[in-house]
Amino acid sequence: MLVACFNDVALVYFLAPSAEKETPTDPALSMAHVFQVGQFTIAQRAACWLRKWQLYSVIGATTGLLSIVVTALLSREASLFNMAGWARATLIGCLHLGISANTRYQLVNGVEVLIYRALPVSAARALSVFLRFGNNCLGSFSWIVLSNAVRNAWVI
């Protein structure tokens, strides 16, 4: 639960719109997601996914480590005070947000582009809520699968 809380706070903070001092010269740097409407090349769209992967991976690694440290401190559980567990939590956070969440968010944004074109705004909003809820559920499930896979494969 701590990971989810830290991820939500960090993602809202880092993804919130902010005033920029200068406009990027490369139009791909201003892309919000890979399916953004515009005359972007495949390479620019791939670069957008990679930039988001970079950002999400750092956030995921940081929140993964932060959550295990806070859990260890609050619970005073001696088994949680080990570098292997902290490294595993950092790796899982990095992989989960960098690959899984990034890809899912990109796909949700792409589907939303299509539904807002095809449906009335009220219907598109309702479907958007459903899509984002489903994405949240899928993200929770993928976190559990990834955590178990890394835990079972981790050899130290």
Protein backbone atom coordinates (compact mmCIF):
# COMPACT_ATOMS: atom_id res chain seq x y z
CA MET A 1 0.00 0.00 0.00
CA LEU A 2 2.92 2.33 0.67
CA VAL A 3 4.27 1.77 -2.84
CA ALA A 4 0.90 2.65 -4.36
CA CYS A 5 0.60 5.76 -2.19
CA PHE A 6 4.14 6.95 -2.97
CA ASN A 7 3.67 6.20 -6.68
CA ASP A 8 0.42 8.17 -6.82
CA VAL A 9 1.91 11.20 -5.10
CA ALA A 10 5.10 11.13 -7.18
CA LEU A 11 3.31 10.63 -10.50
CA VAL A 12 0.79 13.37 -9.83
CA TYR A 13 3.62 15.73 -8.88
CA PHE A 14 5.93 14.92 -11.79
CA LEU A 15 3.21 14.68 -14.45
CA ALA A 16 1.27 17.79 -13.44
CA PRO A 17 1.42 20.59 -15.99
CA SER A 18 3.85 23.35 -15.19
CA ALA A 19 5.00 26.56 -16.80
CA GLU A 20 8.10 25.96 -18.84
CA LYS A 21 10.64 28.66 -19.43
CA GLU A 22 11.34 27.71 -23.01
CA THR A 23 9.71 25.56 -25.65
CA PRO A 24 11.72 22.50 -26.68
CA THR A 25 13.18 22.70 -30.18
CA ASP A 26 12.38 19.04 -30.80
CA PRO A 27 8.59 18.62 -31.10
CA ALA A 28 8.88 15.09 -29.73
CA LEU A 29 10.03 16.50 -26.39
CA SER A 30 6.67 18.19 -25.95
CA MET A 31 4.67 15.00 -26.57
CA ALA A 32 2.45 13.97 -23.65
CA HIS A 33 2.07 10.40 -24.92
CA VAL A 34 3.01 8.34 -27.95
CA PHE A 35 -0.47 8.51 -29.47
CA GLN A 36 -0.73 12.29 -29.26
CA VAL A 37 -2.33 13.76 -32.36
CA GLY A 38 0.22 15.47 -34.56
CA GLN A 39 2.76 14.99 -37.29
CA PHE A 40 5.21 12.95 -35.26
CA THR A 41 7.49 10.29 -36.72
CA ILE A 42 7.72 6.74 -35.41
CA ALA A 43 11.17 7.61 -34.03
CA GLN A 44 9.75 10.60 -32.16
CA ARG A 45 6.96 8.47 -30.74
CA ALA A 46 9.48 5.83 -29.66
CA ALA A 47 11.62 8.56 -28.08
CA CYS A 48 8.54 9.72 -26.16
CA TRP A 49 8.03 6.20 -24.74
CA LEU A 50 11.72 6.03 -23.81
CA ARG A 51 11.62 9.43 -22.08
CA LYS A 52 8.57 8.33 -20.10
CA TRP A 53 10.31 5.01 -19.36
CA GLN A 54 13.25 6.94 -17.96
CA LEU A 55 11.06 9.15 -15.76
CA TYR A 56 8.78 6.34 -14.58
CA SER A 57 11.72 4.00 -13.88
CA VAL A 58 13.40 6.54 -11.62
CA ILE A 59 10.13 7.28 -9.83
CA GLY A 60 9.37 3.55 -9.46
CA ALA A 61 12.84 2.72 -8.15
CA THR A 62 12.71 5.60 -5.68
CA THR A 63 9.21 4.83 -4.39
CA GLY A 64 9.97 1.10 -4.22
CA LEU A 65 13.03 1.75 -2.07
CA LEU A 66 11.26 4.39 0.01
CA SER A 67 8.33 2.08 0.74
CA ILE A 68 10.49 -0.82 1.94
CA VAL A 69 12.59 1.49 4.12
CA VAL A 70 9.49 3.07 5.69
CA THR A 71 7.92 -0.36 6.18
CA ALA A 72 11.10 -1.65 7.84
CA LEU A 73 11.29 1.37 10.13
CA LEU A 74 7.61 1.30 11.10
CA SER A 75 7.43 -2.45 11.67
CA ARG A 76 10.89 -2.81 13.19
CA GLU A 77 10.96 -6.15 11.42
CA ALA A 78 14.61 -7.25 11.44
CA SER A 79 14.22 -9.30 8.24
CA LEU A 80 13.37 -6.13 6.27
CA PHE A 81 16.71 -4.51 7.15
CA ASN A 82 18.80 -6.08 4.40
CA MET A 83 20.31 -4.75 1.21
CA ALA A 84 19.03 -7.65 -0.92
CA GLY A 85 15.41 -6.87 -0.02
CA TRP A 86 15.95 -3.18 -0.61
CA ALA A 87 17.59 -3.85 -3.98
CA ARG A 88 14.72 -6.18 -4.94
CA ALA A 89 12.10 -3.54 -4.01
CA THR A 90 14.01 -0.94 -6.02
CA LEU A 91 14.21 -3.25 -9.06
CA ILE A 92 10.53 -4.18 -8.89
CA GLY A 93 9.50 -0.53 -8.62
CA CYS A 94 11.72 0.39 -11.56
CA LEU A 95 10.39 -2.40 -13.78
CA HIS A 96 6.77 -1.94 -12.78
CA LEU A 97 6.52 1.78 -13.43
CA GLY A 98 9.10 1.97 -16.22
CA ILE A 99 7.74 -0.82 -18.38
CA SER A 100 4.31 -1.93 -17.18
CA ALA A 101 2.76 1.36 -16.06
CA ASN A 102 4.37 3.39 -18.83
CA THR A 103 3.07 1.05 -21.54
CA ARG A 104 -0.39 0.82 -19.97
CA TYR A 105 -0.68 4.61 -19.62
CA GLN A 106 0.41 5.08 -23.23
CA LEU A 107 -2.21 2.59 -24.44
CA VAL A 108 -4.97 4.15 -22.32
CA ASN A 109 -4.12 7.57 -23.76
CA GLY A 110 -4.23 6.13 -27.28
CA VAL A 111 -7.63 4.52 -26.71
CA GLU A 112 -8.91 7.78 -25.24
CA VAL A 113 -7.85 9.66 -28.37
CA LEU A 114 -10.02 7.26 -30.37
CA ILE A 115 -13.06 7.29 -28.07
CA TYR A 116 -13.14 11.09 -27.82
CA ARG A 117 -13.20 11.20 -31.62
CA ALA A 118 -15.93 8.60 -31.96
CA LEU A 119 -18.29 9.28 -29.03
CA PRO A 120 -20.10 12.22 -27.49
CA VAL A 121 -18.10 13.84 -24.69
CA SER A 122 -20.28 12.46 -21.88
CA ALA A 123 -20.00 8.90 -23.19
CA ALA A 124 -16.26 9.30 -23.81
CA ARG A 125 -15.75 10.53 -20.23
CA ALA A 126 -17.67 7.58 -18.82
CA LEU A 127 -15.65 5.14 -20.91
CA SER A 128 -12.46 6.95 -19.89
CA VAL A 129 -13.29 6.40 -16.21
CA PHE A 130 -13.89 2.71 -16.94
CA LEU A 131 -10.60 2.44 -18.88
CA ARG A 132 -8.60 4.13 -16.14
CA PHE A 133 -10.20 1.99 -13.44
CA GLY A 134 -9.41 -1.12 -15.47
CA ASN A 135 -5.85 0.12 -15.94
CA ASN A 136 -5.56 0.59 -12.18
CA CYS A 137 -6.78 -2.97 -11.54
CA LEU A 138 -4.46 -4.37 -14.20
CA GLY A 139 -1.59 -2.39 -12.69
CA SER A 140 -2.26 -3.84 -9.25
CA PHE A 141 -2.38 -7.34 -10.69
CA SER A 142 0.83 -6.82 -12.69
CA TRP A 143 2.56 -5.50 -9.54
CA ILE A 144 1.70 -8.72 -7.70
CA VAL A 145 2.81 -10.94 -10.59
CA LEU A 146 6.06 -9.01 -11.04
CA SER A 147 6.79 -9.00 -7.30
CA ASN A 148 6.30 -12.76 -7.10
CA ALA A 149 8.36 -13.38 -10.23
CA VAL A 150 11.28 -11.27 -9.00
CA ARG A 151 11.07 -12.74 -5.48
CA ASN A 152 11.11 -16.29 -6.87
CA ALA A 153 13.93 -15.58 -9.33
CA TRP A 154 16.07 -13.52 -6.92
CA VAL A 155 19.21 -15.46 -6.01
CA ILE A 156 21.74 -13.98 -3.62
